PDB file of N, CA and C in Angstrom:
ATOM      1  N   MET A   1      -9.398 -69.058   6.086  1.00  0.00           N
ATOM      2  CA  MET A   1      -9.639 -67.699   6.532  1.00  0.00           C
ATOM      3  C   MET A   1      -8.513 -66.763   6.073  1.00  0.00           C
ATOM      4  N   ASP A   2      -7.287 -67.261   6.094  1.00  0.00           N
ATOM      5  CA  ASP A   2      -6.141 -66.466   5.701  1.00  0.00           C
ATOM      6  C   ASP A   2      -6.197 -66.100   4.226  1.00  0.00           C
ATOM      7  N   GLY A   3      -6.665 -66.982   3.370  1.00  0.00           N
ATOM      8  CA  GLY A   3      -6.765 -66.722   1.938  1.00  0.00           C
ATOM      9  C   GLY A   3      -7.820 -65.676   1.632  1.00  0.00           C
ATOM     10  N   ILE A   4      -8.915 -65.706   2.375  1.00  0.00           N
ATOM     11  CA  ILE A   4      -9.996 -64.743   2.141  1.00  0.00           C
ATOM     12  C   ILE A   4      -9.552 -63.337   2.533  1.00  0.00           C
ATOM     13  N   SER A   5      -8.855 -63.178   3.660  1.00  0.00           N
ATOM     14  CA  SER A   5      -8.409 -61.842   4.078  1.00  0.00           C
ATOM     15  C   SER A   5      -7.321 -61.321   3.140  1.00  0.00           C
ATOM     16  N   GLY A   6      -6.470 -62.208   2.612  1.00  0.00           N
ATOM     17  CA  GLY A   6      -5.453 -61.799   1.641  1.00  0.00           C
ATOM     18  C   GLY A   6      -6.095 -61.343   0.343  1.00  0.00           C
ATOM     19  N   LEU A   7      -7.140 -62.069  -0.103  1.00  0.00           N
ATOM     20  CA  LEU A   7      -7.866 -61.686  -1.317  1.00  0.00           C
ATOM     21  C   LEU A   7      -8.599 -60.366  -1.113  1.00  0.00           C
ATOM     22  N   ASN A   8      -9.162 -60.185   0.086  1.00  0.00           N
ATOM     23  CA  ASN A   8      -9.861 -58.940   0.405  1.00  0.00           C
ATOM     24  C   ASN A   8      -8.881 -57.762   0.412  1.00  0.00           C
ATOM     25  N   LEU A   9      -7.652 -57.975   0.904  1.00  0.00           N
ATOM     26  CA  LEU A   9      -6.643 -56.928   0.944  1.00  0.00           C
ATOM     27  C   LEU A   9      -6.220 -56.540  -0.471  1.00  0.00           C
ATOM     28  N   ILE A  10      -6.045 -57.520  -1.344  1.00  0.00           N
ATOM     29  CA  ILE A  10      -5.678 -57.248  -2.739  1.00  0.00           C
ATOM     30  C   ILE A  10      -6.805 -56.495  -3.441  1.00  0.00           C
ATOM     31  N   SER A  11      -8.026 -56.910  -3.211  1.00  0.00           N
ATOM     32  CA  SER A  11      -9.179 -56.254  -3.814  1.00  0.00           C
ATOM     33  C   SER A  11      -9.285 -54.792  -3.361  1.00  0.00           C
ATOM     34  N   THR A  12      -9.069 -54.561  -2.081  1.00  0.00           N
ATOM     35  CA  THR A  12      -9.118 -53.198  -1.557  1.00  0.00           C
ATOM     36  C   THR A  12      -7.985 -52.358  -2.150  1.00  0.00           C
ATOM     37  N   GLY A  13      -6.809 -52.902  -2.265  1.00  0.00           N
ATOM     38  CA  GLY A  13      -5.679 -52.191  -2.852  1.00  0.00           C
ATOM     39  C   GLY A  13      -5.931 -51.831  -4.309  1.00  0.00           C
ATOM     40  N   LEU A  14      -6.497 -52.761  -5.075  1.00  0.00           N
ATOM     41  CA  LEU A  14      -6.813 -52.485  -6.483  1.00  0.00           C
ATOM     42  C   LEU A  14      -7.875 -51.402  -6.613  1.00  0.00           C
ATOM     43  N   LYS A  15      -8.878 -51.447  -5.735  1.00  0.00           N
ATOM     44  CA  LYS A  15      -9.901 -50.401  -5.756  1.00  0.00           C
ATOM     45  C   LYS A  15      -9.300 -49.034  -5.436  1.00  0.00           C
ATOM     46  N   THR A  16      -8.386 -48.998  -4.477  1.00  0.00           N
ATOM     47  CA  THR A  16      -7.742 -47.740  -4.093  1.00  0.00           C
ATOM     48  C   THR A  16      -6.910 -47.175  -5.239  1.00  0.00           C
ATOM     49  N   VAL A  17      -6.150 -48.019  -5.896  1.00  0.00           N
ATOM     50  CA  VAL A  17      -5.329 -47.581  -7.024  1.00  0.00           C
ATOM     51  C   VAL A  17      -6.217 -47.107  -8.172  1.00  0.00           C
ATOM     52  N   ALA A  18      -7.322 -47.824  -8.431  1.00  0.00           N
ATOM     53  CA  ALA A  18      -8.233 -47.425  -9.504  1.00  0.00           C
ATOM     54  C   ALA A  18      -8.871 -46.071  -9.207  1.00  0.00           C
ATOM     55  N   MET A  19      -9.291 -45.835  -7.979  1.00  0.00           N
ATOM     56  CA  MET A  19      -9.895 -44.556  -7.622  1.00  0.00           C
ATOM     57  C   MET A  19      -8.868 -43.420  -7.709  1.00  0.00           C
ATOM     58  N   LEU A  20      -7.637 -43.695  -7.317  1.00  0.00           N
ATOM     59  CA  LEU A  20      -6.581 -42.690  -7.427  1.00  0.00           C
ATOM     60  C   LEU A  20      -6.331 -42.333  -8.892  1.00  0.00           C
ATOM     61  N   ALA A  21      -6.322 -43.326  -9.753  1.00  0.00           N
ATOM     62  CA  ALA A  21      -6.125 -43.073 -11.185  1.00  0.00           C
ATOM     63  C   ALA A  21      -7.273 -42.252 -11.755  1.00  0.00           C
ATOM     64  N   ILE A  22      -8.497 -42.543 -11.327  1.00  0.00           N
ATOM     65  CA  ILE A  22      -9.660 -41.785 -11.804  1.00  0.00           C
ATOM     66  C   ILE A  22      -9.576 -40.338 -11.342  1.00  0.00           C
ATOM     67  N   VAL A  23      -9.247 -40.112 -10.078  1.00  0.00           N
ATOM     68  CA  VAL A  23      -9.164 -38.760  -9.548  1.00  0.00           C
ATOM     69  C   VAL A  23      -8.047 -37.977 -10.242  1.00  0.00           C
ATOM     70  N   LEU A  24      -6.876 -38.591 -10.434  1.00  0.00           N
ATOM     71  CA  LEU A  24      -5.785 -37.914 -11.120  1.00  0.00           C
ATOM     72  C   LEU A  24      -6.144 -37.620 -12.581  1.00  0.00           C
ATOM     73  N   GLY A  25      -6.825 -38.545 -13.243  1.00  0.00           N
ATOM     74  CA  GLY A  25      -7.259 -38.321 -14.619  1.00  0.00           C
ATOM     75  C   GLY A  25      -8.228 -37.155 -14.720  1.00  0.00           C
ATOM     76  N   LEU A  26      -9.185 -37.083 -13.799  1.00  0.00           N
ATOM     77  CA  LEU A  26     -10.129 -35.971 -13.793  1.00  0.00           C
ATOM     78  C   LEU A  26      -9.428 -34.643 -13.504  1.00  0.00           C
ATOM     79  N   LEU A  27      -8.448 -34.659 -12.615  1.00  0.00           N
ATOM     80  CA  LEU A  27      -7.690 -33.451 -12.312  1.00  0.00           C
ATOM     81  C   LEU A  27      -6.910 -32.975 -13.534  1.00  0.00           C
ATOM     82  N   ILE A  28      -6.287 -33.894 -14.241  1.00  0.00           N
ATOM     83  CA  ILE A  28      -5.549 -33.535 -15.453  1.00  0.00           C
ATOM     84  C   ILE A  28      -6.495 -32.978 -16.505  1.00  0.00           C
ATOM     85  N   LEU A  29      -7.647 -33.589 -16.693  1.00  0.00           N
ATOM     86  CA  LEU A  29      -8.630 -33.071 -17.653  1.00  0.00           C
ATOM     87  C   LEU A  29      -9.121 -31.680 -17.256  1.00  0.00           C
ATOM     88  N   LEU A  30      -9.380 -31.486 -15.983  1.00  0.00           N
ATOM     89  CA  LEU A  30      -9.832 -30.175 -15.502  1.00  0.00           C
ATOM     90  C   LEU A  30      -8.775 -29.103 -15.758  1.00  0.00           C
ATOM     91  N   LEU A  31      -7.526 -29.405 -15.448  1.00  0.00           N
ATOM     92  CA  LEU A  31      -6.456 -28.436 -15.682  1.00  0.00           C
ATOM     93  C   LEU A  31      -6.267 -28.162 -17.170  1.00  0.00           C
ATOM     94  N   TYR A  32      -6.403 -29.177 -18.002  1.00  0.00           N
ATOM     95  CA  TYR A  32      -6.275 -28.992 -19.443  1.00  0.00           C
ATOM     96  C   TYR A  32      -7.362 -28.052 -19.963  1.00  0.00           C
ATOM     97  N   PHE A  33      -8.609 -28.285 -19.543  1.00  0.00           N
ATOM     98  CA  PHE A  33      -9.701 -27.429 -20.011  1.00  0.00           C
ATOM     99  C   PHE A  33      -9.598 -26.018 -19.443  1.00  0.00           C
ATOM    100  N   MET A  34      -9.120 -25.891 -18.212  1.00  0.00           N
ATOM    101  CA  MET A  34      -8.928 -24.548 -17.656  1.00  0.00           C
ATOM    102  C   MET A  34      -7.880 -23.786 -18.458  1.00  0.00           C
ATOM    103  N   LYS A  35      -6.781 -24.456 -18.788  1.00  0.00           N
ATOM    104  CA  LYS A  35      -5.730 -23.801 -19.563  1.00  0.00           C
ATOM    105  C   LYS A  35      -6.230 -23.465 -20.957  1.00  0.00           C
ATOM    106  N   ARG A  36      -6.983 -24.342 -21.539  1.00  0.00           N
ATOM    107  CA  ARG A  36      -7.436 -24.162 -22.917  1.00  0.00           C
ATOM    108  C   ARG A  36      -8.485 -23.061 -23.039  1.00  0.00           C
ATOM    109  N   PHE A  37      -9.435 -22.994 -22.103  1.00  0.00           N
ATOM    110  CA  PHE A  37     -10.572 -22.091 -22.268  1.00  0.00           C
ATOM    111  C   PHE A  37     -10.569 -20.887 -21.328  1.00  0.00           C
ATOM    112  N   LEU A  38     -10.061 -21.019 -20.125  1.00  0.00           N
ATOM    113  CA  LEU A  38     -10.094 -19.897 -19.190  1.00  0.00           C
ATOM    114  C   LEU A  38      -8.908 -18.972 -19.347  1.00  0.00           C
ATOM    115  N   PHE A  39      -7.733 -19.524 -19.591  1.00  0.00           N
ATOM    116  CA  PHE A  39      -6.521 -18.725 -19.679  1.00  0.00           C
ATOM    117  C   PHE A  39      -6.141 -18.470 -21.126  1.00  0.00           C
ATOM    118  N   VAL A  40      -7.135 -18.274 -21.965  1.00  0.00           N
ATOM    119  CA  VAL A  40      -6.884 -17.982 -23.368  1.00  0.00           C
ATOM    120  C   VAL A  40      -6.263 -16.602 -23.462  1.00  0.00           C
ATOM    121  N   SER A  41      -5.209 -16.484 -24.253  1.00  0.00           N
ATOM    122  CA  SER A  41      -4.610 -15.158 -24.409  1.00  0.00           C
ATOM    123  C   SER A  41      -5.633 -14.266 -25.090  1.00  0.00           C
ATOM    124  N   ARG A  42      -5.933 -13.210 -24.436  1.00  0.00           N
ATOM    125  CA  ARG A  42      -6.978 -12.314 -24.931  1.00  0.00           C
ATOM    126  C   ARG A  42      -6.494 -11.584 -26.173  1.00  0.00           C
ATOM    127  N   GLY A  43      -7.433 -11.315 -27.048  1.00  0.00           N
ATOM    128  CA  GLY A  43      -7.114 -10.622 -28.284  1.00  0.00           C
ATOM    129  C   GLY A  43      -6.575  -9.235 -28.016  1.00  0.00           C
ATOM    130  N   VAL A  44      -5.892  -8.719 -28.975  1.00  0.00           N
ATOM    131  CA  VAL A  44      -5.275  -7.401 -28.859  1.00  0.00           C
ATOM    132  C   VAL A  44      -6.341  -6.337 -29.077  1.00  0.00           C
ATOM    133  N   LYS A  45      -6.357  -5.339 -28.226  1.00  0.00           N
ATOM    134  CA  LYS A  45      -7.310  -4.247 -28.363  1.00  0.00           C
ATOM    135  C   LYS A  45      -6.692  -3.169 -29.230  1.00  0.00           C
ATOM    136  N   GLY A  46      -7.324  -2.865 -30.341  1.00  0.00           N
ATOM    137  CA  GLY A  46      -6.812  -1.830 -31.242  1.00  0.00           C
ATOM    138  C   GLY A  46      -5.469  -2.219 -31.826  1.00  0.00           C
ATOM    139  N   ASP A  47      -4.561  -1.254 -31.877  1.00  0.00           N
ATOM    140  CA  ASP A  47      -3.230  -1.490 -32.417  1.00  0.00           C
ATOM    141  C   ASP A  47      -2.220  -1.830 -31.332  1.00  0.00           C
ATOM    142  N   LEU A  48      -2.643  -1.857 -30.081  1.00  0.00           N
ATOM    143  CA  LEU A  48      -1.704  -2.070 -28.990  1.00  0.00           C
ATOM    144  C   LEU A  48      -1.245  -3.515 -28.976  1.00  0.00           C
ATOM    145  N   LEU A  49      -0.016  -3.720 -29.396  1.00  0.00           N
ATOM    146  CA  LEU A  49       0.587  -5.041 -29.402  1.00  0.00           C
ATOM    147  C   LEU A  49       1.989  -4.895 -28.848  1.00  0.00           C
ATOM    148  N   ILE A  50       2.296  -5.642 -27.811  1.00  0.00           N
ATOM    149  CA  ILE A  50       3.599  -5.540 -27.173  1.00  0.00           C
ATOM    150  C   ILE A  50       4.409  -6.772 -27.536  1.00  0.00           C
ATOM    151  N   LYS A  51       5.605  -6.544 -28.095  1.00  0.00           N
ATOM    152  CA  LYS A  51       6.513  -7.626 -28.446  1.00  0.00           C
ATOM    153  C   LYS A  51       7.862  -7.347 -27.810  1.00  0.00           C
ATOM    154  N   ILE A  52       8.502  -8.392 -27.310  1.00  0.00           N
ATOM    155  CA  ILE A  52       9.870  -8.264 -26.826  1.00  0.00           C
ATOM    156  C   ILE A  52      10.776  -8.603 -28.007  1.00  0.00           C
ATOM    157  N   LEU A  53      11.515  -7.621 -28.486  1.00  0.00           N
ATOM    158  CA  LEU A  53      12.373  -7.823 -29.652  1.00  0.00           C
ATOM    159  C   LEU A  53      13.738  -8.370 -29.275  1.00  0.00           C
ATOM    160  N   SER A  54      14.285  -7.891 -28.153  1.00  0.00           N
ATOM    161  CA  SER A  54      15.619  -8.323 -27.752  1.00  0.00           C
ATOM    162  C   SER A  54      15.764  -8.144 -26.248  1.00  0.00           C
ATOM    163  N   SER A  55      16.608  -8.975 -25.654  1.00  0.00           N
ATOM    164  CA  SER A  55      16.847  -8.886 -24.226  1.00  0.00           C
ATOM    165  C   SER A  55      18.316  -9.167 -23.955  1.00  0.00           C
ATOM    166  N   LEU A  56      18.944  -8.323 -23.138  1.00  0.00           N
ATOM    167  CA  LEU A  56      20.341  -8.495 -22.765  1.00  0.00           C
ATOM    168  C   LEU A  56      20.420  -8.535 -21.246  1.00  0.00           C
ATOM    169  N   HIS A  57      20.826  -9.676 -20.694  1.00  0.00           N
ATOM    170  CA  HIS A  57      20.932  -9.831 -19.249  1.00  0.00           C
ATOM    171  C   HIS A  57      22.264  -9.277 -18.775  1.00  0.00           C
ATOM    172  N   LEU A  58      22.203  -8.300 -17.890  1.00  0.00           N
ATOM    173  CA  LEU A  58      23.402  -7.690 -17.332  1.00  0.00           C
ATOM    174  C   LEU A  58      23.857  -8.413 -16.076  1.00  0.00           C
ATOM    175  N   SER A  59      22.914  -8.907 -15.310  1.00  0.00           N
ATOM    176  CA  SER A  59      23.165  -9.705 -14.112  1.00  0.00           C
ATOM    177  C   SER A  59      21.945 -10.599 -13.933  1.00  0.00           C
ATOM    178  N   PRO A  60      21.960 -11.486 -12.949  1.00  0.00           N
ATOM    179  CA  PRO A  60      20.805 -12.381 -12.802  1.00  0.00           C
ATOM    180  C   PRO A  60      19.463 -11.670 -12.623  1.00  0.00           C
ATOM    181  N   LYS A  61      19.477 -10.451 -12.089  1.00  0.00           N
ATOM    182  CA  LYS A  61      18.213  -9.755 -11.843  1.00  0.00           C
ATOM    183  C   LYS A  61      18.061  -8.461 -12.635  1.00  0.00           C
ATOM    184  N   GLU A  62      19.015  -8.123 -13.463  1.00  0.00           N
ATOM    185  CA  GLU A  62      18.954  -6.869 -14.228  1.00  0.00           C
ATOM    186  C   GLU A  62      19.137  -7.167 -15.703  1.00  0.00           C
ATOM    187  N   ARG A  63      18.358  -6.460 -16.531  1.00  0.00           N
ATOM    188  CA  ARG A  63      18.452  -6.675 -17.973  1.00  0.00           C
ATOM    189  C   ARG A  63      18.015  -5.428 -18.721  1.00  0.00           C
ATOM    190  N   ILE A  64      18.388  -5.371 -19.979  1.00  0.00           N
ATOM    191  CA  ILE A  64      17.938  -4.324 -20.886  1.00  0.00           C
ATOM    192  C   ILE A  64      17.105  -5.011 -21.953  1.00  0.00           C
ATOM    193  N   GLU A  65      15.924  -4.462 -22.229  1.00  0.00           N
ATOM    194  CA  GLU A  65      15.042  -5.058 -23.226  1.00  0.00           C
ATOM    195  C   GLU A  65      14.634  -4.022 -24.260  1.00  0.00           C
ATOM    196  N   VAL A  66      14.547  -4.475 -25.489  1.00  0.00           N
ATOM    197  CA  VAL A  66      13.994  -3.662 -26.567  1.00  0.00           C
ATOM    198  C   VAL A  66      12.618  -4.226 -26.844  1.00  0.00           C
ATOM    199  N   ILE A  67      11.596  -3.394 -26.663  1.00  0.00           N
ATOM    200  CA  ILE A  67      10.225  -3.838 -26.907  1.00  0.00           C
ATOM    201  C   ILE A  67       9.603  -2.979 -27.995  1.00  0.00           C
ATOM    202  N   GLU A  68       8.568  -3.526 -28.599  1.00  0.00           N
ATOM    203  CA  GLU A  68       7.831  -2.768 -29.617  1.00  0.00           C
ATOM    204  C   GLU A  68       6.387  -2.670 -29.162  1.00  0.00           C
ATOM    205  N   ILE A  69       5.914  -1.432 -29.062  1.00  0.00           N
ATOM    206  CA  ILE A  69       4.531  -1.173 -28.670  1.00  0.00           C
ATOM    207  C   ILE A  69       3.909  -0.319 -29.758  1.00  0.00           C
ATOM    208  N   SER A  70       2.896  -0.834 -30.387  1.00  0.00           N
ATOM    209  CA  SER A  70       2.183  -0.110 -31.448  1.00  0.00           C
ATOM    210  C   SER A  70       3.151   0.432 -32.506  1.00  0.00           C
ATOM    211  N   GLY A  71       4.125  -0.343 -32.869  1.00  0.00           N
ATOM    212  CA  GLY A  71       5.059   0.050 -33.913  1.00  0.00           C
ATOM    213  C   GLY A  71       6.236   0.878 -33.450  1.00  0.00           C
ATOM    214  N   GLU A  72       6.275   1.284 -32.179  1.00  0.00           N
ATOM    215  CA  GLU A  72       7.391   2.066 -31.651  1.00  0.00           C
ATOM    216  C   GLU A  72       8.332   1.146 -30.883  1.00  0.00           C
ATOM    217  N   LYS A  73       9.626   1.301 -31.145  1.00  0.00           N
ATOM    218  CA  LYS A  73      10.630   0.499 -30.456  1.00  0.00           C
ATOM    219  C   LYS A  73      11.168   1.299 -29.279  1.00  0.00           C
ATOM    220  N   ILE A  74      11.114   0.694 -28.087  1.00  0.00           N
ATOM    221  CA  ILE A  74      11.507   1.351 -26.852  1.00  0.00           C
ATOM    222  C   ILE A  74      12.540   0.486 -26.142  1.00  0.00           C
ATOM    223  N   VAL A  75      13.559   1.129 -25.576  1.00  0.00           N
ATOM    224  CA  VAL A  75      14.584   0.432 -24.808  1.00  0.00           C
ATOM    225  C   VAL A  75      14.315   0.674 -23.321  1.00  0.00           C
ATOM    226  N   LEU A  76      14.221  -0.411 -22.547  1.00  0.00           N
ATOM    227  CA  LEU A  76      13.932  -0.328 -21.121  1.00  0.00           C
ATOM    228  C   LEU A  76      15.042  -0.993 -20.323  1.00  0.00           C
ATOM    229  N   GLY A  77      15.366  -0.424 -19.179  1.00  0.00           N
ATOM    230  CA  GLY A  77      16.249  -1.062 -18.207  1.00  0.00           C
ATOM    231  C   GLY A  77      15.377  -1.644 -17.115  1.00  0.00           C
ATOM    232  N   ILE A  78      15.526  -2.939 -16.856  1.00  0.00           N
ATOM    233  CA  ILE A  78      14.653  -3.610 -15.895  1.00  0.00           C
ATOM    234  C   ILE A  78      15.505  -4.174 -14.760  1.00  0.00           C
ATOM    235  N   ALA A  79      15.150  -3.805 -13.533  1.00  0.00           N
ATOM    236  CA  ALA A  79      15.812  -4.277 -12.319  1.00  0.00           C
ATOM    237  C   ALA A  79      14.719  -4.597 -11.298  1.00  0.00           C
ATOM    238  N   PRO A  80      15.057  -5.333 -10.261  1.00  0.00           N
ATOM    239  CA  PRO A  80      14.046  -5.617  -9.239  1.00  0.00           C
ATOM    240  C   PRO A  80      13.526  -4.313  -8.629  1.00  0.00           C
ATOM    241  N   GLY A  81      12.258  -4.088  -8.718  1.00  0.00           N
ATOM    242  CA  GLY A  81      11.655  -2.904  -8.131  1.00  0.00           C
ATOM    243  C   GLY A  81      11.563  -1.703  -9.036  1.00  0.00           C
ATOM    244  N   SER A  82      12.150  -1.747 -10.245  1.00  0.00           N
ATOM    245  CA  SER A  82      12.037  -0.577 -11.116  1.00  0.00           C
ATOM    246  C   SER A  82      12.190  -0.959 -12.582  1.00  0.00           C
ATOM    247  N   ILE A  83      11.535  -0.168 -13.409  1.00  0.00           N
ATOM    248  CA  ILE A  83      11.658  -0.253 -14.861  1.00  0.00           C
ATOM    249  C   ILE A  83      12.004   1.153 -15.328  1.00  0.00           C
ATOM    250  N   THR A  84      13.117   1.294 -16.047  1.00  0.00           N
ATOM    251  CA  THR A  84      13.584   2.610 -16.460  1.00  0.00           C
ATOM    252  C   THR A  84      13.517   2.742 -17.973  1.00  0.00           C
ATOM    253  N   PHE A  85      12.866   3.813 -18.449  1.00  0.00           N
ATOM    254  CA  PHE A  85      12.835   4.121 -19.878  1.00  0.00           C
ATOM    255  C   PHE A  85      14.200   4.677 -20.246  1.00  0.00           C
ATOM    256  N   LEU A  86      14.878   4.026 -21.203  1.00  0.00           N
ATOM    257  CA  LEU A  86      16.200   4.499 -21.597  1.00  0.00           C
ATOM    258  C   LEU A  86      16.152   5.368 -22.841  1.00  0.00           C
ATOM    259  N   THR A  87      15.558   4.863 -23.918  1.00  0.00           N
ATOM    260  CA  THR A  87      15.473   5.644 -25.144  1.00  0.00           C
ATOM    261  C   THR A  87      14.446   5.021 -26.074  1.00  0.00           C
ATOM    262  N   LYS A  88      14.141   5.749 -27.124  1.00  0.00           N
ATOM    263  CA  LYS A  88      13.234   5.265 -28.156  1.00  0.00           C
ATOM    264  C   LYS A  88      14.062   5.080 -29.419  1.00  0.00           C
ATOM    265  N   LEU A  89      13.907   3.948 -30.084  1.00  0.00           N
ATOM    266  CA  LEU A  89      14.651   3.674 -31.304  1.00  0.00           C
ATOM    267  C   LEU A  89      13.833   4.065 -32.515  1.00  0.00           C
ATOM    268  N   GLY A  90      14.509   4.617 -33.536  1.00  0.00           N
ATOM    269  CA  GLY A  90      13.842   4.967 -34.786  1.00  0.00           C
ATOM    270  C   GLY A  90      13.890   3.799 -35.753  1.00  0.00           C
ATOM    271  N   ASP A  91      13.246   3.965 -36.898  1.00  0.00           N
ATOM    272  CA  ASP A  91      13.221   2.915 -37.920  1.00  0.00           C
ATOM    273  C   ASP A  91      14.513   2.864 -38.726  1.00  0.00           C
ATOM    274  N   ALA A  92      15.134   4.020 -38.945  1.00  0.00           N
ATOM    275  CA  ALA A  92      16.346   4.068 -39.758  1.00  0.00           C
ATOM    276  C   ALA A  92      17.526   3.562 -38.945  1.00  0.00           C
ATOM    277  N   PRO A  93      18.478   2.863 -39.583  1.00  0.00           N
ATOM    278  CA  PRO A  93      19.654   2.391 -38.851  1.00  0.00           C
ATOM    279  C   PRO A  93      20.448   3.558 -38.292  1.00  0.00           C
ATOM    280  N   GLY A  94      20.853   3.463 -37.046  1.00  0.00           N
ATOM    281  CA  GLY A  94      21.642   4.514 -36.419  1.00  0.00           C
ATOM    282  C   GLY A  94      20.814   5.617 -35.811  1.00  0.00           C
ATOM    283  N   GLU A  95      19.523   5.670 -36.091  1.00  0.00           N
ATOM    284  CA  GLU A  95      18.671   6.717 -35.529  1.00  0.00           C
ATOM    285  C   GLU A  95      18.197   6.273 -34.160  1.00  0.00           C
ATOM    286  N   THR A  96      18.366   7.112 -33.166  1.00  0.00           N
ATOM    287  CA  THR A  96      17.901   6.797 -31.821  1.00  0.00           C
ATOM    288  C   THR A  96      16.968   7.888 -31.355  1.00  0.00           C
ATOM    289  N   GLY A  97      16.453   7.712 -30.163  1.00  0.00           N
ATOM    290  CA  GLY A  97      15.559   8.709 -29.607  1.00  0.00           C
ATOM    291  C   GLY A  97      16.299   9.912 -29.075  1.00  0.00           C
ATOM    292  N   GLU A  98      17.628   9.887 -29.101  1.00  0.00           N
ATOM    293  CA  GLU A  98      18.402  11.016 -28.590  1.00  0.00           C
ATOM    294  C   GLU A  98      18.395  12.158 -29.603  1.00  0.00           C
ATOM    295  N   ARG A  99      18.158  13.341 -29.109  1.00  0.00           N
ATOM    296  CA  ARG A  99      18.219  14.534 -29.949  1.00  0.00           C
ATOM    297  C   ARG A  99      19.110  15.530 -29.235  1.00  0.00           C
ATOM    298  N   ASN A 100      20.199  15.916 -29.866  1.00  0.00           N
ATOM    299  CA  ASN A 100      21.155  16.872 -29.302  1.00  0.00           C
ATOM    300  C   ASN A 100      21.727  16.388 -27.964  1.00  0.00           C
ATOM    301  N   GLY A 101      21.878  15.060 -27.845  1.00  0.00           N
ATOM    302  CA  GLY A 101      22.460  14.503 -26.623  1.00  0.00           C
ATOM    303  C   GLY A 101      21.570  14.648 -25.410  1.00  0.00           C
ATOM    304  N   ASN A 102      20.318  14.947 -25.597  1.00  0.00           N
ATOM    305  CA  ASN A 102      19.414  15.184 -24.489  1.00  0.00           C
ATOM    306  C   ASN A 102      18.436  14.016 -24.400  1.00  0.00           C
ATOM    307  N   THR A 103      18.737  13.038 -23.573  1.00  0.00           N
ATOM    308  CA  THR A 103      17.873  11.880 -23.400  1.00  0.00           C
ATOM    309  C   THR A 103      17.207  11.960 -22.043  1.00  0.00           C
ATOM    310  N   LYS A 104      15.921  11.782 -22.005  1.00  0.00           N
ATOM    311  CA  LYS A 104      15.199  11.800 -20.749  1.00  0.00           C
ATOM    312  C   LYS A 104      15.132  10.377 -20.197  1.00  0.00           C
ATOM    313  N   HIS A 105      15.413  10.202 -18.927  1.00  0.00           N
ATOM    314  CA  HIS A 105      15.311   8.916 -18.274  1.00  0.00           C
ATOM    315  C   HIS A 105      14.146   8.992 -17.299  1.00  0.00           C
ATOM    316  N   GLN A 106      13.218   8.099 -17.473  1.00  0.00           N
ATOM    317  CA  GLN A 106      12.076   8.055 -16.572  1.00  0.00           C
ATOM    318  C   GLN A 106      12.111   6.733 -15.854  1.00  0.00           C
ATOM    319  N   GLU A 107      11.762   6.735 -14.580  1.00  0.00           N
ATOM    320  CA  GLU A 107      11.787   5.519 -13.805  1.00  0.00           C
ATOM    321  C   GLU A 107      10.390   5.218 -13.309  1.00  0.00           C
ATOM    322  N   ILE A 108      10.015   3.958 -13.436  1.00  0.00           N
ATOM    323  CA  ILE A 108       8.707   3.500 -12.983  1.00  0.00           C
ATOM    324  C   ILE A 108       8.943   2.548 -11.826  1.00  0.00           C
ATOM    325  N   GLN A 109       8.406   2.842 -10.670  1.00  0.00           N
ATOM    326  CA  GLN A 109       8.578   1.993  -9.495  1.00  0.00           C
ATOM    327  C   GLN A 109       7.461   0.970  -9.447  1.00  0.00           C
ATOM    328  N   GLU A 110       7.820  -0.286  -9.122  1.00  0.00           N
ATOM    329  CA  GLU A 110       6.809  -1.348  -8.998  1.00  0.00           C
ATOM    330  C   GLU A 110       6.196  -1.313  -7.617  1.00  0.00           C
TER     331      GLU A 110
END
């Protein structure tokens, strides 16, 4: 009787491990297909393409980023709760968005 209950316990344990492996395998396949087909990066509409060209971290939560949107280079200050437009960069070296020392700073609140 003792051998039969021990064999039954091993059989039940193997079945449990096999079912767990099947469920985990199906979960991994489901997540793979969701990532592949549902979260596909959507194509760019028109010329609007946003690229991060450079990033300078000032502190753990504050940074300055140079981004390019539709061919225009923009410098942004990013902090928790706000994004500040600093300036627009030109194509020529040394050319900035400043004209006569008059730079407009705009702040966008999150």
